[in-house]
Amino acid sequence: MKKFCFLIFLFAPFLAVGQLLDDAGVQQLLLKASDKIYNYEFDEADEYIRQVKARYPQHPVVPLLKAVEMYWQYLPIKDNKSATAQYTNYLNQSVALAKKMLDRNEDDPEGAFFSLASHGYLAMKYHYDNEMMKAVGEAQKAYSYLKKGFKLMEKNPEFYFSTGLYNYYIERYPMDHPVSKPLLLFFQSGDMNLGIKQLETAIRRGVFTRTETALYLGQIYMQHESQPARAAACLKPLADKYPQNPIFTLRSAEALVQSGRYREAQPYLERLRTLPQKFLAMPIKVLDGIIEEKLNGNAKLAAENYQAALKLPVDEVFTKEFAAHAYSGLARIAAQTGDRNRAKSMYKKVLSLAEYKSSIQEAKNYLKT
């Protein structure tokens, strides 16, 4: 069972609503609902979801959409027990309805797609709740549908998303976590370059997964490939189309700052200040610090921002990397003032937190000197 732990990291939430039937009218309703969800217009989204339910009351898309809506509405949902319970209930409903589709036809691409999405969401939910056995169980179930998706990309282009993620991470994950290599021997091998190409195809050809594909491809470029300019090309259009979405705006601002496009990032930072999510306060301080350090050359104010950020709560899912950014900034400032002991101490903290290859390499390079 342990070998399925890897899969938990693959099934990040995505708005998986598939090529629903052959009903173009319902597909338009689903697209409108997803757009409203992404832009935090939940009342409007509910109206579109009600219309879909009226036509297809027993289709798994309805509870899955409601689960996705709750995921975004209560972000981070793990901090709200009542919302989490309802979220889990919706996902279990989607699993049950998708199973009925597969009971009628085990090769049904929609049934496989909704099963993959629903079990994937549950795997992530249990992972973040530290219920690892439940998470592994859901990931194991999702993997069987993921494999079906490898053969269904041409029938349903939405599978380019899950297949591309798999092909990339099945190779990348053991590179970053060598201890996992023996656990992955029985998994189908992947190809990172092919995975990226498939994700790019999903952005072009996918309908319902296009937005989330851009989000996760942007994250790959930021975290693993150290190409923030390419990340910005994926993320900035999302922030522009969905200005009320805190994650799209935050990731776009981060990618622009990491690309050195500080002035271009500032409108997104200003927008973040107007959004209500409390977890944004910490990354805003960090991005302010980077701009003060690198654009304005104000090391004192930069350090104040970094230190203030590190006093704020850190969300393990959304803002942990910003703590690493803050320690990197403090390390650079200490190094510039000749305080090597402090710089080394800060960079060691970076290594304990960072997942971005660029941050890890910066810290390692300094600690070697």
Foldseek 3Di string as FASTA:
>chain_A
DVLLLLLLVLLDAFLQDFPPDVDVVLVVLSLVLVLCLQQVVNVVSVVSLVVNCVVPVLALSSLSSVLSSLVQNCVVNLVPVVSLVSSLVSLVSSLVSLVVVCVVPVLPLSSLRSLLNSLSVQLNSCVLVVVNVSNSVSSVSNVVSLVSLVPCCVVTVLNLQSQLSCQQCLVVVCVVVVVSVVSSPPPDHHHNVVSLVSLVVCLVPPDRRNLVSLQVSLVCCFAPVVNLVSSLVSQVVSCVSRVQRLQSLLSNLVSCLSVVVNVVSVVSLVSNVVHDDPQSQLLSLLSVLSCCVPVVVNLVSSLVSLVVSVVDDADLPRGLQSVLSSLCSVLVSCVVVVNLVSNLVSLVVSCVGGRGPVSVVVSVVSVVD
